[in-house]
Amino acid sequence: MNTKRQDHGLTFDSPFETEVYEQLTNAVYKVDKQVGMSGYRIDLAINHPTSPEKYIIGIECNGALYHSAP
């Protein structure tokens, strides 16, 4: 399956997602944002260190609608 990443600059849905991204990149991980297909996307995905076309983990941080819900 061929996944795609969307990278429209560094915009995030929440301060939590920003913090997770910053901590991962500070730890020298290569992190892609909004990885997936169609309308289904994972917020952050860490690239495999020796096979950059693959991912080793996906991280879902939930979006602004979730954070603003009662």
C-alpha atoms as a PDB file:
ATOM      1  CA  MET A   1       0.000   0.000   0.000  1.00  0.00           C
ATOM      2  CA  ASN A   2       1.323   3.412  -0.908  1.00  0.00           C
ATOM      3  CA  THR A   3       0.808   6.040   1.773  1.00  0.00           C
ATOM      4  CA  LYS A   4       1.236   9.726   1.199  1.00  0.00           C
ATOM      5  CA  ARG A   5       2.318  12.482   3.523  1.00  0.00           C
ATOM      6  CA  GLN A   6       1.036  16.015   3.597  1.00  0.00           C
ATOM      7  CA  ASP A   7       3.450  18.649   4.742  1.00  0.00           C
ATOM      8  CA  HIS A   8       2.021  22.130   4.457  1.00  0.00           C
ATOM      9  CA  GLY A   9       4.475  23.764   6.824  1.00  0.00           C
ATOM     10  CA  LEU A  10       4.522  23.322  10.568  1.00  0.00           C
ATOM     11  CA  THR A  11       0.905  23.766  11.571  1.00  0.00           C
ATOM     12  CA  PHE A  12      -0.575  21.571  14.266  1.00  0.00           C
ATOM     13  CA  ASP A  13      -4.062  20.888  15.633  1.00  0.00           C
ATOM     14  CA  SER A  14      -3.084  21.274  19.276  1.00  0.00           C
ATOM     15  CA  PRO A  15      -0.257  22.350  21.588  1.00  0.00           C
ATOM     16  CA  PHE A  16       0.110  18.676  22.558  1.00  0.00           C
ATOM     17  CA  GLU A  17       0.796  17.654  18.962  1.00  0.00           C
ATOM     18  CA  THR A  18       3.347  20.475  18.665  1.00  0.00           C
ATOM     19  CA  GLU A  19       5.123  19.329  21.822  1.00  0.00           C
ATOM     20  CA  VAL A  20       5.252  15.692  20.706  1.00  0.00           C
ATOM     21  CA  TYR A  21       6.654  16.721  17.300  1.00  0.00           C
ATOM     22  CA  GLU A  22       9.298  18.971  18.890  1.00  0.00           C
ATOM     23  CA  GLN A  23      10.411  16.311  21.373  1.00  0.00           C
ATOM     24  CA  LEU A  24      10.744  13.700  18.631  1.00  0.00           C
ATOM     25  CA  THR A  25      12.680  15.965  16.278  1.00  0.00           C
ATOM     26  CA  ASN A  26      14.911  17.113  19.158  1.00  0.00           C
ATOM     27  CA  ALA A  27      15.685  13.418  19.730  1.00  0.00           C
ATOM     28  CA  VAL A  28      16.865  13.325  16.083  1.00  0.00           C
ATOM     29  CA  TYR A  29      13.929  11.363  14.683  1.00  0.00           C
ATOM     30  CA  LYS A  30      12.689  12.176  11.176  1.00  0.00           C
ATOM     31  CA  VAL A  31       8.980  12.864  11.603  1.00  0.00           C
ATOM     32  CA  ASP A  32       6.398  13.246   8.823  1.00  0.00           C
ATOM     33  CA  LYS A  33       3.012  14.837   9.447  1.00  0.00           C
ATOM     34  CA  GLN A  34      -0.415  13.783   8.217  1.00  0.00           C
ATOM     35  CA  VAL A  35       0.516  10.409   6.717  1.00  0.00           C
ATOM     36  CA  GLY A  36      -2.133   8.225   5.122  1.00  0.00           C
ATOM     37  CA  MET A  37      -4.575   7.896   2.269  1.00  0.00           C
ATOM     38  CA  SER A  38      -7.876   9.512   1.357  1.00  0.00           C
ATOM     39  CA  GLY A  39      -9.377  11.159   4.414  1.00  0.00           C
ATOM     40  CA  TYR A  40      -7.620   8.862   6.864  1.00  0.00           C
ATOM     41  CA  ARG A  41      -4.421  10.352   8.228  1.00  0.00           C
ATOM     42  CA  ILE A  42      -2.106   9.705  11.156  1.00  0.00           C
ATOM     43  CA  ASP A  43      -0.913  12.922  12.798  1.00  0.00           C
ATOM     44  CA  LEU A  44       2.772  12.009  13.111  1.00  0.00           C
ATOM     45  CA  ALA A  45       4.832   9.132  11.719  1.00  0.00           C
ATOM     46  CA  ILE A  46       8.475   8.340  12.471  1.00  0.00           C
ATOM     47  CA  ASN A  47      10.572   7.263   9.504  1.00  0.00           C
ATOM     48  CA  HIS A  48      12.571   4.037   9.672  1.00  0.00           C
ATOM     49  CA  PRO A  49      16.234   4.974  10.259  1.00  0.00           C
ATOM     50  CA  THR A  50      17.648   2.876   7.397  1.00  0.00           C
ATOM     51  CA  SER A  51      14.604   2.676   5.088  1.00  0.00           C
ATOM     52  CA  PRO A  52      13.186   6.213   4.923  1.00  0.00           C
ATOM     53  CA  GLU A  53      10.309   5.110   2.669  1.00  0.00           C
ATOM     54  CA  LYS A  54       8.954   3.082   5.631  1.00  0.00           C
ATOM     55  CA  TYR A  55       7.620   4.098   9.026  1.00  0.00           C
ATOM     56  CA  ILE A  56       8.352   2.499  12.382  1.00  0.00           C
ATOM     57  CA  ILE A  57       5.481   4.043  14.331  1.00  0.00           C
ATOM     58  CA  GLY A  58       2.414   6.213  13.851  1.00  0.00           C
ATOM     59  CA  ILE A  59       1.161   8.614  16.516  1.00  0.00           C
ATOM     60  CA  GLU A  60      -2.411   9.904  16.659  1.00  0.00           C
ATOM     61  CA  CYS A  61      -2.760  13.021  18.816  1.00  0.00           C
ATOM     62  CA  ASN A  62      -6.481  13.694  18.192  1.00  0.00           C
ATOM     63  CA  GLY A  63      -7.599  16.932  16.614  1.00  0.00           C
ATOM     64  CA  ALA A  64      -8.995  20.264  17.698  1.00  0.00           C
ATOM     65  CA  LEU A  65     -12.602  18.970  17.655  1.00  0.00           C
ATOM     66  CA  TYR A  66     -11.681  16.283  20.176  1.00  0.00           C
ATOM     67  CA  HIS A  67      -9.849  18.736  22.426  1.00  0.00           C
ATOM     68  CA  SER A  68     -12.724  21.223  22.401  1.00  0.00           C
ATOM     69  CA  ALA A  69     -15.426  18.624  23.182  1.00  0.00           C
ATOM     70  CA  PRO A  70     -17.013  18.730  26.665  1.00  0.00           C
END
